[in-house]
């Protein structure tokens, strides 16, 4: 993972607007986000079993990048295209996170996410054949309400911790994530849809 902090987001997009939404997210939204100082890379992941579910990860230099300054300015001044797209985000989960451990380099083909609130020490990032990276993220503070959130309607949900497990073997990635997942965790499995790094 690049940097020491990240924005983690999960949501659903209805089928009838999905093509237009992906065009907006690829052509305008992600380049806008990655153009913010301190944003290092953005990746969009698509559900393996349900292509209407998404996981988006923005890796940033530090937590201050996503709690103040130009990022909040953008969240509170969405473009006209963004204003049209925001209401289509359903079941939104969004958290501002710091990296607490992990390993690996490069972008994997498959990514499993494990969302949880631990009642004991969080799990160790798993290692096995087919898995190339794993990162443990913690959300230490609540994300502030913004204009974009208000356009989505219901308040965004949040996560306390997230374990990200990536690799080239979908089955191995899913198995490693499920074995590491604490009780009552929410596990999602995704494939890489789009990635953009800062220049």
N, C-alpha and C. Protein backbone atom coordinates (compact mmCIF):
# COMPACT_ATOMS: atom_id res chain seq x y z
N UNK A 1 0.84 -1.18 0.00
CA UNK A 1 0.00 0.00 0.00
C UNK A 1 0.88 1.24 0.00
N UNK A 2 0.47 2.23 -0.77
CA UNK A 2 1.21 3.48 -0.83
C UNK A 2 0.75 4.40 0.29
N UNK A 3 1.68 5.05 0.98
CA UNK A 3 1.32 5.99 2.02
C UNK A 3 0.93 5.33 3.32
N UNK A 4 0.50 6.15 4.27
CA UNK A 4 0.17 5.65 5.61
C UNK A 4 -1.31 5.78 5.96
N UNK A 5 -2.13 6.25 5.02
CA UNK A 5 -3.56 6.42 5.29
C UNK A 5 -4.36 6.11 4.03
N UNK A 6 -5.68 6.01 4.19
CA UNK A 6 -6.53 5.66 3.05
C UNK A 6 -7.97 6.02 3.31
N UNK A 7 -8.70 6.24 2.24
CA UNK A 7 -10.16 6.31 2.27
C UNK A 7 -10.66 4.97 1.75
N UNK A 8 -11.49 4.28 2.53
CA UNK A 8 -12.07 3.01 2.11
C UNK A 8 -13.57 3.21 1.93
N UNK A 9 -14.11 2.69 0.82
CA UNK A 9 -15.53 2.89 0.53
C UNK A 9 -16.12 1.65 -0.14
N UNK A 10 -17.33 1.33 0.27
CA UNK A 10 -18.10 0.26 -0.34
C UNK A 10 -19.48 0.80 -0.68
N UNK A 11 -20.03 0.38 -1.82
CA UNK A 11 -21.39 0.80 -2.17
C UNK A 11 -21.94 -0.06 -3.29
N UNK A 12 -23.21 0.10 -3.57
CA UNK A 12 -23.90 -0.57 -4.68
C UNK A 12 -24.37 0.49 -5.67
N UNK A 13 -24.37 0.12 -6.95
CA UNK A 13 -24.86 0.99 -8.01
C UNK A 13 -25.93 0.23 -8.81
N UNK A 14 -27.13 0.80 -8.97
CA UNK A 14 -28.19 0.12 -9.71
C UNK A 14 -27.78 -0.16 -11.16
N UNK A 15 -28.28 -1.26 -11.71
CA UNK A 15 -27.88 -1.71 -13.04
C UNK A 15 -28.18 -0.69 -14.13
N UNK A 16 -29.29 0.04 -14.01
CA UNK A 16 -29.68 0.93 -15.10
C UNK A 16 -28.80 2.16 -15.24
N UNK A 17 -27.98 2.47 -14.22
CA UNK A 17 -27.09 3.63 -14.31
C UNK A 17 -25.62 3.24 -14.24
N UNK A 18 -25.35 1.94 -14.20
CA UNK A 18 -23.98 1.47 -13.94
C UNK A 18 -23.00 1.90 -15.02
N UNK A 19 -23.36 1.79 -16.28
CA UNK A 19 -22.43 2.15 -17.36
C UNK A 19 -22.07 3.63 -17.30
N UNK A 20 -23.06 4.48 -17.10
CA UNK A 20 -22.80 5.92 -17.00
C UNK A 20 -22.03 6.26 -15.75
N UNK A 21 -22.31 5.54 -14.66
CA UNK A 21 -21.59 5.78 -13.42
C UNK A 21 -20.11 5.42 -13.57
N UNK A 22 -19.82 4.29 -14.19
CA UNK A 22 -18.42 3.89 -14.37
C UNK A 22 -17.68 4.86 -15.28
N UNK A 23 -18.36 5.42 -16.28
CA UNK A 23 -17.73 6.41 -17.14
C UNK A 23 -17.37 7.66 -16.33
N UNK A 24 -18.30 8.14 -15.51
CA UNK A 24 -18.03 9.30 -14.66
C UNK A 24 -16.89 9.02 -13.69
N UNK A 25 -16.94 7.88 -13.04
CA UNK A 25 -15.94 7.56 -12.02
C UNK A 25 -14.55 7.42 -12.63
N UNK A 26 -14.49 6.92 -13.86
CA UNK A 26 -13.20 6.71 -14.54
C UNK A 26 -12.67 8.00 -15.15
N UNK A 27 -13.53 8.76 -15.82
CA UNK A 27 -13.10 9.92 -16.61
C UNK A 27 -12.95 11.17 -15.76
N UNK A 28 -13.86 11.37 -14.79
CA UNK A 28 -13.81 12.60 -14.00
C UNK A 28 -13.45 12.39 -12.54
N UNK A 29 -14.17 11.51 -11.87
CA UNK A 29 -14.10 11.49 -10.41
C UNK A 29 -12.76 11.02 -9.88
N UNK A 30 -12.28 9.86 -10.35
CA UNK A 30 -11.01 9.38 -9.84
C UNK A 30 -9.84 10.29 -10.22
N UNK A 31 -9.76 10.80 -11.45
CA UNK A 31 -8.69 11.77 -11.74
C UNK A 31 -8.76 13.01 -10.85
N UNK A 32 -9.97 13.47 -10.53
CA UNK A 32 -10.12 14.61 -9.64
C UNK A 32 -9.54 14.30 -8.26
N UNK A 33 -9.90 13.13 -7.73
CA UNK A 33 -9.41 12.75 -6.40
C UNK A 33 -7.89 12.57 -6.39
N UNK A 34 -7.38 11.85 -7.36
CA UNK A 34 -5.93 11.57 -7.39
C UNK A 34 -5.13 12.83 -7.67
N UNK A 35 -5.77 13.86 -8.19
CA UNK A 35 -5.10 15.13 -8.41
C UNK A 35 -4.96 15.98 -7.15
N UNK A 36 -5.59 15.57 -6.06
CA UNK A 36 -5.50 16.30 -4.80
C UNK A 36 -4.13 16.03 -4.18
N UNK A 37 -3.43 17.06 -3.70
CA UNK A 37 -2.12 16.85 -3.08
C UNK A 37 -2.18 15.83 -1.95
N UNK A 38 -1.26 14.88 -1.97
CA UNK A 38 -1.22 13.84 -0.95
C UNK A 38 -1.94 12.56 -1.33
N UNK A 39 -2.78 12.60 -2.36
CA UNK A 39 -3.40 11.37 -2.88
C UNK A 39 -2.38 10.67 -3.78
N UNK A 40 -2.13 9.39 -3.52
CA UNK A 40 -1.09 8.65 -4.22
C UNK A 40 -1.64 7.70 -5.28
N UNK A 41 -2.77 7.06 -4.99
CA UNK A 41 -3.35 6.12 -5.96
C UNK A 41 -4.80 5.86 -5.61
N UNK A 42 -5.61 5.68 -6.64
CA UNK A 42 -6.99 5.27 -6.47
C UNK A 42 -7.22 3.96 -7.21
N UNK A 43 -8.01 3.06 -6.61
CA UNK A 43 -8.37 1.81 -7.29
C UNK A 43 -9.85 1.53 -7.07
N UNK A 44 -10.49 1.06 -8.14
CA UNK A 44 -11.90 0.66 -8.07
C UNK A 44 -11.96 -0.85 -8.29
N UNK A 45 -12.67 -1.51 -7.41
CA UNK A 45 -12.82 -2.96 -7.46
C UNK A 45 -14.29 -3.29 -7.64
N UNK A 46 -14.58 -4.31 -8.45
CA UNK A 46 -15.94 -4.70 -8.81
C UNK A 46 -16.24 -6.07 -8.21
N UNK A 47 -17.42 -6.23 -7.66
CA UNK A 47 -17.80 -7.50 -7.03
C UNK A 47 -17.65 -8.68 -7.97
N UNK A 48 -17.03 -9.74 -7.51
CA UNK A 48 -16.84 -10.95 -8.33
C UNK A 48 -18.17 -11.64 -8.58
N UNK A 49 -19.02 -11.69 -7.58
CA UNK A 49 -20.31 -12.38 -7.72
C UNK A 49 -21.47 -11.43 -8.02
N UNK A 50 -21.28 -10.15 -7.77
CA UNK A 50 -22.32 -9.15 -8.05
C UNK A 50 -21.63 -7.90 -8.58
N UNK A 51 -21.73 -7.68 -9.89
CA UNK A 51 -21.02 -6.56 -10.51
C UNK A 51 -21.63 -5.21 -10.18
N UNK A 52 -22.69 -5.19 -9.38
CA UNK A 52 -23.25 -3.94 -8.92
C UNK A 52 -22.68 -3.46 -7.60
N UNK A 53 -21.78 -4.26 -7.02
CA UNK A 53 -21.13 -3.88 -5.76
C UNK A 53 -19.70 -3.44 -6.04
N UNK A 54 -19.27 -2.44 -5.31
CA UNK A 54 -17.94 -1.86 -5.54
C UNK A 54 -17.20 -1.64 -4.22
N UNK A 55 -15.88 -1.73 -4.32
CA UNK A 55 -14.98 -1.30 -3.26
C UNK A 55 -13.99 -0.33 -3.88
N UNK A 56 -13.84 0.85 -3.28
CA UNK A 56 -12.91 1.85 -3.79
C UNK A 56 -11.92 2.21 -2.69
N UNK A 57 -10.65 2.26 -3.07
CA UNK A 57 -9.57 2.57 -2.13
C UNK A 57 -8.75 3.73 -2.66
N UNK A 58 -8.63 4.77 -1.85
CA UNK A 58 -7.71 5.86 -2.16
C UNK A 58 -6.59 5.83 -1.13
N UNK A 59 -5.37 5.63 -1.60
CA UNK A 59 -4.20 5.60 -0.73
C UNK A 59 -3.60 7.00 -0.67
N UNK A 60 -3.28 7.45 0.55
CA UNK A 60 -2.82 8.82 0.73
C UNK A 60 -1.56 8.87 1.59
N UNK A 61 -0.86 9.99 1.47
CA UNK A 61 0.42 10.13 2.17
C UNK A 61 0.25 10.05 3.68
N UNK A 62 -0.80 10.70 4.21
CA UNK A 62 -1.01 10.72 5.66
C UNK A 62 -2.47 11.00 5.95
N UNK A 63 -2.85 10.84 7.21
CA UNK A 63 -4.25 11.04 7.59
C UNK A 63 -4.69 12.48 7.35
N UNK A 64 -3.80 13.44 7.56
CA UNK A 64 -4.16 14.85 7.37
C UNK A 64 -4.61 15.14 5.94
N UNK A 65 -4.14 14.35 4.99
CA UNK A 65 -4.54 14.53 3.59
C UNK A 65 -6.04 14.40 3.41
N UNK A 66 -6.67 13.55 4.20
CA UNK A 66 -8.09 13.24 4.01
C UNK A 66 -8.98 13.79 5.12
N UNK A 67 -8.42 14.62 5.98
CA UNK A 67 -9.22 15.21 7.05
C UNK A 67 -9.27 16.73 6.98
N UNK A 68 -8.63 17.32 5.99
CA UNK A 68 -8.60 18.78 5.91
C UNK A 68 -8.23 19.23 4.51
N UNK A 69 -8.21 20.53 4.30
CA UNK A 69 -7.65 21.13 3.10
C UNK A 69 -8.38 20.82 1.81
N UNK A 70 -7.62 20.60 0.72
CA UNK A 70 -8.19 20.45 -0.62
C UNK A 70 -9.20 19.31 -0.75
N UNK A 71 -9.02 18.21 0.01
CA UNK A 71 -9.96 17.10 -0.08
C UNK A 71 -11.34 17.51 0.41
N UNK A 72 -11.41 18.16 1.57
CA UNK A 72 -12.70 18.61 2.07
C UNK A 72 -13.31 19.67 1.16
N UNK A 73 -12.47 20.49 0.56
CA UNK A 73 -12.95 21.49 -0.39
C UNK A 73 -13.68 20.82 -1.56
N UNK A 74 -13.12 19.74 -2.06
CA UNK A 74 -13.75 19.03 -3.18
C UNK A 74 -15.04 18.35 -2.74
N UNK A 75 -15.03 17.74 -1.56
CA UNK A 75 -16.23 17.06 -1.06
C UNK A 75 -17.41 18.02 -0.89
N UNK A 76 -17.11 19.26 -0.60
CA UNK A 76 -18.17 20.25 -0.38
C UNK A 76 -18.48 21.10 -1.60
N UNK A 77 -17.79 20.84 -2.71
CA UNK A 77 -18.04 21.57 -3.96
C UNK A 77 -18.02 20.60 -5.14
N UNK A 78 -18.94 19.64 -5.17
CA UNK A 78 -18.94 18.64 -6.24
C UNK A 78 -19.27 19.26 -7.60
N UNK A 79 -18.71 18.67 -8.63
CA UNK A 79 -18.98 19.13 -10.00
C UNK A 79 -20.43 18.83 -10.38
N UNK A 80 -20.94 19.44 -11.43
CA UNK A 80 -22.30 19.12 -11.88
C UNK A 80 -22.50 17.64 -12.19
N UNK A 81 -21.49 17.01 -12.80
CA UNK A 81 -21.59 15.58 -13.11
C UNK A 81 -21.64 14.77 -11.81
N UNK A 82 -20.81 15.15 -10.84
CA UNK A 82 -20.83 14.47 -9.54
C UNK A 82 -22.17 14.63 -8.86
N UNK A 83 -22.77 15.80 -8.97
CA UNK A 83 -24.07 16.03 -8.35
C UNK A 83 -25.13 15.10 -8.93
N UNK A 84 -25.01 14.77 -10.22
CA UNK A 84 -25.96 13.85 -10.83
C UNK A 84 -25.70 12.40 -10.42
N UNK A 85 -24.46 12.05 -10.14
CA UNK A 85 -24.10 10.67 -9.82
C UNK A 85 -24.25 10.32 -8.34
N UNK A 86 -24.06 11.26 -7.45
CA UNK A 86 -24.05 10.96 -6.01
C UNK A 86 -25.32 10.25 -5.52
N UNK A 87 -26.52 10.64 -5.96
CA UNK A 87 -27.72 9.96 -5.44
C UNK A 87 -27.82 8.48 -5.81
N UNK A 88 -27.01 8.01 -6.78
CA UNK A 88 -27.07 6.60 -7.20
C UNK A 88 -26.27 5.68 -6.30
N UNK A 89 -25.47 6.21 -5.37
CA UNK A 89 -24.69 5.38 -4.45
C UNK A 89 -25.63 4.83 -3.37
N UNK A 90 -25.74 3.52 -3.30
CA UNK A 90 -26.63 2.87 -2.33
C UNK A 90 -25.80 2.08 -1.32
N UNK A 91 -26.31 2.00 -0.09
CA UNK A 91 -25.65 1.23 0.98
C UNK A 91 -24.20 1.67 1.18
N UNK A 92 -24.00 2.98 1.22
CA UNK A 92 -22.66 3.55 1.29
C UNK A 92 -21.99 3.32 2.64
N UNK A 93 -20.76 2.83 2.58
CA UNK A 93 -19.89 2.70 3.75
C UNK A 93 -18.61 3.45 3.42
N UNK A 94 -18.20 4.37 4.28
CA UNK A 94 -17.02 5.20 4.00
C UNK A 94 -16.27 5.47 5.29
N UNK A 95 -14.96 5.17 5.29
CA UNK A 95 -14.16 5.39 6.48
C UNK A 95 -12.79 5.97 6.11
N UNK A 96 -12.29 6.82 7.00
CA UNK A 96 -10.94 7.39 6.88
C UNK A 96 -10.04 6.53 7.76
N UNK A 97 -8.99 5.96 7.16
CA UNK A 97 -8.21 4.93 7.84
C UNK A 97 -6.72 5.24 7.89
N UNK A 98 -6.06 4.62 8.86
CA UNK A 98 -4.61 4.63 8.93
C UNK A 98 -4.13 3.18 8.83
N UNK A 99 -2.97 2.99 8.20
CA UNK A 99 -2.40 1.65 8.04
C UNK A 99 -1.79 1.19 9.36
N UNK A 100 -2.14 -0.02 9.79
CA UNK A 100 -1.62 -0.57 11.03
C UNK A 100 -0.72 -1.78 10.81
N UNK A 101 -0.43 -2.11 9.58
CA UNK A 101 0.45 -3.25 9.30
C UNK A 101 0.11 -3.86 7.97
N UNK A 102 1.00 -4.72 7.50
CA UNK A 102 0.76 -5.41 6.25
C UNK A 102 2.02 -5.59 5.44
N UNK A 103 1.85 -6.12 4.24
CA UNK A 103 2.98 -6.39 3.37
C UNK A 103 2.51 -6.42 1.92
N UNK A 104 3.48 -6.37 1.00
CA UNK A 104 3.17 -6.55 -0.41
C UNK A 104 3.34 -5.29 -1.23
N UNK A 105 3.55 -5.50 -2.52
CA UNK A 105 3.68 -4.40 -3.48
C UNK A 105 2.87 -4.73 -4.73
N UNK A 106 2.66 -3.74 -5.56
CA UNK A 106 1.94 -3.97 -6.80
C UNK A 106 0.45 -4.04 -6.60
N UNK A 107 -0.27 -4.08 -7.73
CA UNK A 107 -1.73 -4.16 -7.70
C UNK A 107 -2.16 -5.59 -8.01
N UNK A 108 -2.93 -6.21 -7.11
CA UNK A 108 -3.40 -7.57 -7.38
C UNK A 108 -4.60 -7.57 -8.32
N UNK A 109 -4.91 -8.73 -8.86
CA UNK A 109 -6.11 -8.89 -9.69
C UNK A 109 -7.36 -8.98 -8.82
N UNK A 110 -7.25 -9.72 -7.71
CA UNK A 110 -8.39 -9.93 -6.83
C UNK A 110 -8.13 -9.29 -5.48
N UNK A 111 -9.19 -8.79 -4.85
CA UNK A 111 -9.09 -8.19 -3.52
C UNK A 111 -10.28 -8.62 -2.67
N UNK A 112 -9.98 -9.16 -1.50
CA UNK A 112 -11.03 -9.45 -0.52
C UNK A 112 -10.95 -8.40 0.58
N UNK A 113 -12.10 -7.93 1.02
CA UNK A 113 -12.14 -6.99 2.14
C UNK A 113 -12.87 -7.65 3.30
N UNK A 114 -12.33 -7.43 4.50
CA UNK A 114 -12.92 -7.95 5.72
C UNK A 114 -13.21 -6.75 6.62
N UNK A 115 -14.48 -6.47 6.87
CA UNK A 115 -14.88 -5.35 7.73
C UNK A 115 -15.28 -5.90 9.09
N UNK A 116 -14.71 -5.34 10.15
CA UNK A 116 -14.96 -5.92 11.47
C UNK A 116 -14.70 -4.91 12.59
N UNK A 117 -15.23 -5.25 13.77
CA UNK A 117 -14.97 -4.54 15.01
C UNK A 117 -14.44 -5.59 15.99
N UNK A 118 -13.15 -5.60 16.26
CA UNK A 118 -12.58 -6.70 17.05
C UNK A 118 -12.91 -6.60 18.53
N UNK A 119 -13.13 -7.77 19.17
CA UNK A 119 -13.28 -7.81 20.62
C UNK A 119 -11.97 -8.27 21.26
N UNK A 120 -10.96 -8.49 20.41
CA UNK A 120 -9.61 -8.81 20.87
C UNK A 120 -8.65 -8.28 19.81
N UNK A 121 -7.39 -8.66 19.86
CA UNK A 121 -6.41 -8.16 18.89
C UNK A 121 -6.85 -8.47 17.46
N UNK A 122 -6.69 -7.53 16.53
CA UNK A 122 -7.07 -7.80 15.14
C UNK A 122 -6.20 -8.89 14.54
N UNK A 123 -6.68 -9.55 13.48
CA UNK A 123 -5.93 -10.67 12.90
C UNK A 123 -4.65 -10.21 12.21
N UNK A 124 -3.70 -11.11 12.11
CA UNK A 124 -2.48 -10.85 11.35
C UNK A 124 -2.80 -10.92 9.86
N UNK A 125 -2.19 -10.05 9.04
CA UNK A 125 -2.38 -10.17 7.59
C UNK A 125 -1.94 -11.55 7.11
N UNK A 126 -2.82 -12.29 6.44
CA UNK A 126 -2.51 -13.69 6.09
C UNK A 126 -1.52 -13.81 4.94
N UNK A 127 -0.82 -14.94 4.92
CA UNK A 127 0.12 -15.26 3.84
C UNK A 127 -0.18 -16.66 3.34
N UNK A 128 -0.23 -16.81 2.03
CA UNK A 128 -0.38 -18.13 1.41
C UNK A 128 -0.12 -17.98 -0.08
N UNK A 129 0.08 -19.10 -0.75
CA UNK A 129 0.30 -19.09 -2.19
C UNK A 129 -0.91 -18.48 -2.89
N UNK A 130 -0.67 -17.58 -3.85
CA UNK A 130 -1.75 -16.91 -4.57
C UNK A 130 -2.11 -15.56 -3.98
N UNK A 131 -1.63 -15.29 -2.75
CA UNK A 131 -1.86 -14.00 -2.08
C UNK A 131 -0.57 -13.19 -2.17
N UNK A 132 -0.67 -11.96 -2.66
CA UNK A 132 0.53 -11.13 -2.86
C UNK A 132 0.61 -9.94 -1.92
N UNK A 133 -0.47 -9.61 -1.22
CA UNK A 133 -0.45 -8.47 -0.31
C UNK A 133 -1.59 -8.58 0.69
N UNK A 134 -1.40 -7.96 1.83
CA UNK A 134 -2.46 -7.88 2.83
C UNK A 134 -2.17 -6.68 3.72
N UNK A 135 -3.21 -5.91 4.01
CA UNK A 135 -3.05 -4.68 4.79
C UNK A 135 -4.14 -4.59 5.84
N UNK A 136 -3.75 -4.14 7.02
CA UNK A 136 -4.68 -3.95 8.11
C UNK A 136 -4.87 -2.45 8.32
N UNK A 137 -6.13 -1.99 8.22
CA UNK A 137 -6.46 -0.58 8.33
C UNK A 137 -7.40 -0.34 9.51
N UNK A 138 -7.19 0.77 10.21
CA UNK A 138 -8.07 1.15 11.32
C UNK A 138 -8.61 2.55 11.07
N UNK A 139 -9.89 2.74 11.40
CA UNK A 139 -10.50 4.06 11.28
C UNK A 139 -10.53 4.70 12.66
N UNK A 140 -9.65 5.69 12.93
CA UNK A 140 -9.55 6.25 14.27
C UNK A 140 -10.52 7.40 14.56
N UNK A 141 -11.20 7.89 13.53
CA UNK A 141 -12.10 9.02 13.73
C UNK A 141 -13.23 8.99 12.71
N UNK A 142 -14.31 9.66 13.05
CA UNK A 142 -15.48 9.70 12.16
C UNK A 142 -15.23 10.68 11.03
N UNK A 143 -15.71 10.34 9.85
CA UNK A 143 -15.61 11.23 8.70
C UNK A 143 -16.63 12.36 8.85
N UNK A 144 -16.25 13.60 8.57
CA UNK A 144 -17.20 14.71 8.71
C UNK A 144 -18.29 14.65 7.64
N UNK A 145 -19.46 15.17 7.96
CA UNK A 145 -20.54 15.27 6.98
C UNK A 145 -20.15 16.29 5.91
N UNK A 146 -20.48 15.99 4.66
CA UNK A 146 -20.11 16.87 3.55
C UNK A 146 -21.29 17.04 2.59
N UNK A 147 -21.13 17.94 1.63
CA UNK A 147 -22.18 18.15 0.63
C UNK A 147 -22.42 16.89 -0.18
N UNK A 148 -21.36 16.17 -0.53
CA UNK A 148 -21.53 14.93 -1.30
C UNK A 148 -22.33 13.91 -0.52
N UNK A 149 -22.05 13.78 0.76
CA UNK A 149 -22.80 12.82 1.57
C UNK A 149 -24.28 13.18 1.62
N UNK A 150 -24.59 14.44 1.76
CA UNK A 150 -25.99 14.86 1.81
C UNK A 150 -26.72 14.52 0.52
N UNK A 151 -26.01 14.59 -0.61
CA UNK A 151 -26.62 14.24 -1.90
C UNK A 151 -26.94 12.76 -2.00
N UNK A 152 -26.22 11.94 -1.23
CA UNK A 152 -26.48 10.50 -1.27
C UNK A 152 -27.68 10.13 -0.42
N UNK A 153 -28.18 11.07 0.38
CA UNK A 153 -29.37 10.80 1.17
C UNK A 153 -29.00 10.34 2.57
N UNK A 154 -29.10 9.04 2.83
CA UNK A 154 -28.81 8.50 4.16
C UNK A 154 -27.36 8.72 4.53
N UNK A 155 -27.11 8.86 5.83
CA UNK A 155 -25.73 9.04 6.31
C UNK A 155 -24.89 7.82 5.97
N UNK A 156 -23.64 8.07 5.61
CA UNK A 156 -22.73 6.97 5.31
C UNK A 156 -22.48 6.13 6.57
N UNK A 157 -22.44 4.82 6.40
CA UNK A 157 -22.01 3.94 7.48
C UNK A 157 -20.48 3.94 7.52
N UNK A 158 -19.92 3.41 8.59
CA UNK A 158 -18.47 3.38 8.73
C UNK A 158 -18.01 1.99 9.20
N UNK A 159 -16.70 1.77 9.14
CA UNK A 159 -16.11 0.55 9.68
C UNK A 159 -15.07 0.95 10.73
N UNK A 160 -14.84 0.06 11.69
CA UNK A 160 -13.79 0.28 12.68
C UNK A 160 -12.43 -0.19 12.15
N UNK A 161 -12.42 -1.38 11.59
CA UNK A 161 -11.20 -1.97 11.02
C UNK A 161 -11.53 -2.61 9.68
N UNK A 162 -10.53 -2.69 8.83
CA UNK A 162 -10.66 -3.41 7.55
C UNK A 162 -9.36 -4.16 7.28
N UNK A 163 -9.49 -5.39 6.89
CA UNK A 163 -8.37 -6.19 6.42
C UNK A 163 -8.52 -6.36 4.92
N UNK A 164 -7.52 -5.96 4.15
CA UNK A 164 -7.53 -6.10 2.70
C UNK A 164 -6.56 -7.20 2.32
N UNK A 165 -7.04 -8.16 1.55
CA UNK A 165 -6.21 -9.30 1.12
C UNK A 165 -6.25 -9.37 -0.40
N UNK A 166 -5.09 -9.26 -1.05
CA UNK A 166 -5.05 -9.25 -2.51
C UNK A 166 -4.14 -10.32 -3.08
N UNK A 167 -4.38 -10.66 -4.34
CA UNK A 167 -3.54 -11.66 -4.99
C UNK A 167 -3.98 -11.95 -6.40
N UNK A 168 -3.31 -12.91 -7.03
CA UNK A 168 -3.61 -13.28 -8.40
C UNK A 168 -4.57 -14.47 -8.50
N UNK A 169 -4.79 -15.17 -7.39
CA UNK A 169 -5.64 -16.35 -7.35
C UNK A 169 -6.90 -16.02 -6.55
N UNK A 170 -8.03 -15.92 -7.24
CA UNK A 170 -9.27 -15.50 -6.59
C UNK A 170 -9.65 -16.42 -5.43
N UNK A 171 -9.55 -17.73 -5.66
CA UNK A 171 -9.94 -18.68 -4.61
C UNK A 171 -9.02 -18.58 -3.40
N UNK A 172 -7.72 -18.41 -3.65
CA UNK A 172 -6.77 -18.30 -2.54
C UNK A 172 -7.00 -17.02 -1.75
N UNK A 173 -7.29 -15.94 -2.45
CA UNK A 173 -7.56 -14.66 -1.78
C UNK A 173 -8.79 -14.78 -0.89
N UNK A 174 -9.85 -15.35 -1.42
CA UNK A 174 -11.07 -15.48 -0.63
C UNK A 174 -10.87 -16.39 0.57
N UNK A 175 -10.18 -17.52 0.36
CA UNK A 175 -9.95 -18.47 1.46
C UNK A 175 -9.11 -17.83 2.56
N UNK A 176 -8.07 -17.10 2.18
CA UNK A 176 -7.22 -16.44 3.18
C UNK A 176 -8.00 -15.41 3.98
N UNK A 177 -8.85 -14.65 3.29
CA UNK A 177 -9.64 -13.63 3.98
C UNK A 177 -10.64 -14.25 4.94
N UNK A 178 -11.31 -15.30 4.50
CA UNK A 178 -12.31 -15.92 5.37
C UNK A 178 -11.66 -16.60 6.57
N UNK A 179 -10.49 -17.18 6.39
CA UNK A 179 -9.80 -17.81 7.51
C UNK A 179 -9.35 -16.77 8.53
N UNK A 180 -8.98 -15.57 8.07
CA UNK A 180 -8.51 -14.53 8.98
C UNK A 180 -9.65 -13.73 9.60
N UNK A 181 -10.83 -13.79 9.01
CA UNK A 181 -11.94 -12.94 9.44
C UNK A 181 -12.41 -13.28 10.86
N UNK A 182 -12.53 -12.27 11.72
CA UNK A 182 -13.10 -12.51 13.05
C UNK A 182 -14.59 -12.86 12.94
N UNK A 183 -15.19 -13.38 14.01
CA UNK A 183 -16.63 -13.65 13.99
C UNK A 183 -17.42 -12.38 13.68
N UNK A 184 -18.49 -12.56 12.91
CA UNK A 184 -19.40 -11.46 12.54
C UNK A 184 -18.80 -10.45 11.58
N UNK A 185 -17.65 -10.74 11.01
CA UNK A 185 -17.06 -9.85 10.01
C UNK A 185 -17.84 -9.93 8.70
N UNK A 186 -17.75 -8.87 7.90
CA UNK A 186 -18.36 -8.84 6.58
C UNK A 186 -17.24 -9.00 5.55
N UNK A 187 -17.33 -10.06 4.75
CA UNK A 187 -16.29 -10.36 3.77
C UNK A 187 -16.83 -10.10 2.37
N UNK A 188 -16.08 -9.37 1.56
CA UNK A 188 -16.44 -9.11 0.17
C UNK A 188 -15.30 -9.52 -0.74
N UNK A 189 -15.63 -9.95 -1.95
CA UNK A 189 -14.62 -10.40 -2.91
C UNK A 189 -14.78 -9.61 -4.20
N UNK A 190 -13.67 -9.04 -4.69
CA UNK A 190 -13.71 -8.12 -5.83
C UNK A 190 -12.58 -8.40 -6.80
N UNK A 191 -12.79 -7.93 -8.04
CA UNK A 191 -11.72 -7.95 -9.06
C UNK A 191 -11.39 -6.51 -9.41
N UNK A 192 -10.18 -6.29 -9.89
CA UNK A 192 -9.74 -4.93 -10.23
C UNK A 192 -10.52 -4.40 -11.43
N UNK A 193 -11.07 -3.21 -11.28
CA UNK A 193 -11.81 -2.58 -12.37
C UNK A 193 -11.06 -1.43 -13.00
N UNK A 194 -10.38 -0.60 -12.18
CA UNK A 194 -9.64 0.55 -12.71
C UNK A 194 -8.70 1.04 -11.64
N UNK A 195 -7.55 1.55 -12.06
CA UNK A 195 -6.58 2.11 -11.12
C UNK A 195 -5.92 3.33 -11.74
N UNK A 196 -5.62 4.30 -10.89
CA UNK A 196 -4.96 5.51 -11.35
C UNK A 196 -4.02 6.00 -10.26
N UNK A 197 -2.75 6.20 -10.62
CA UNK A 197 -1.75 6.71 -9.67
C UNK A 197 -1.48 8.19 -9.93
N UNK A 198 -1.07 8.87 -8.90
CA UNK A 198 -0.73 10.28 -9.03
C UNK A 198 0.50 10.43 -9.94
N UNK A 199 0.55 11.53 -10.66
CA UNK A 199 1.68 11.77 -11.53
C UNK A 199 2.89 12.18 -10.72
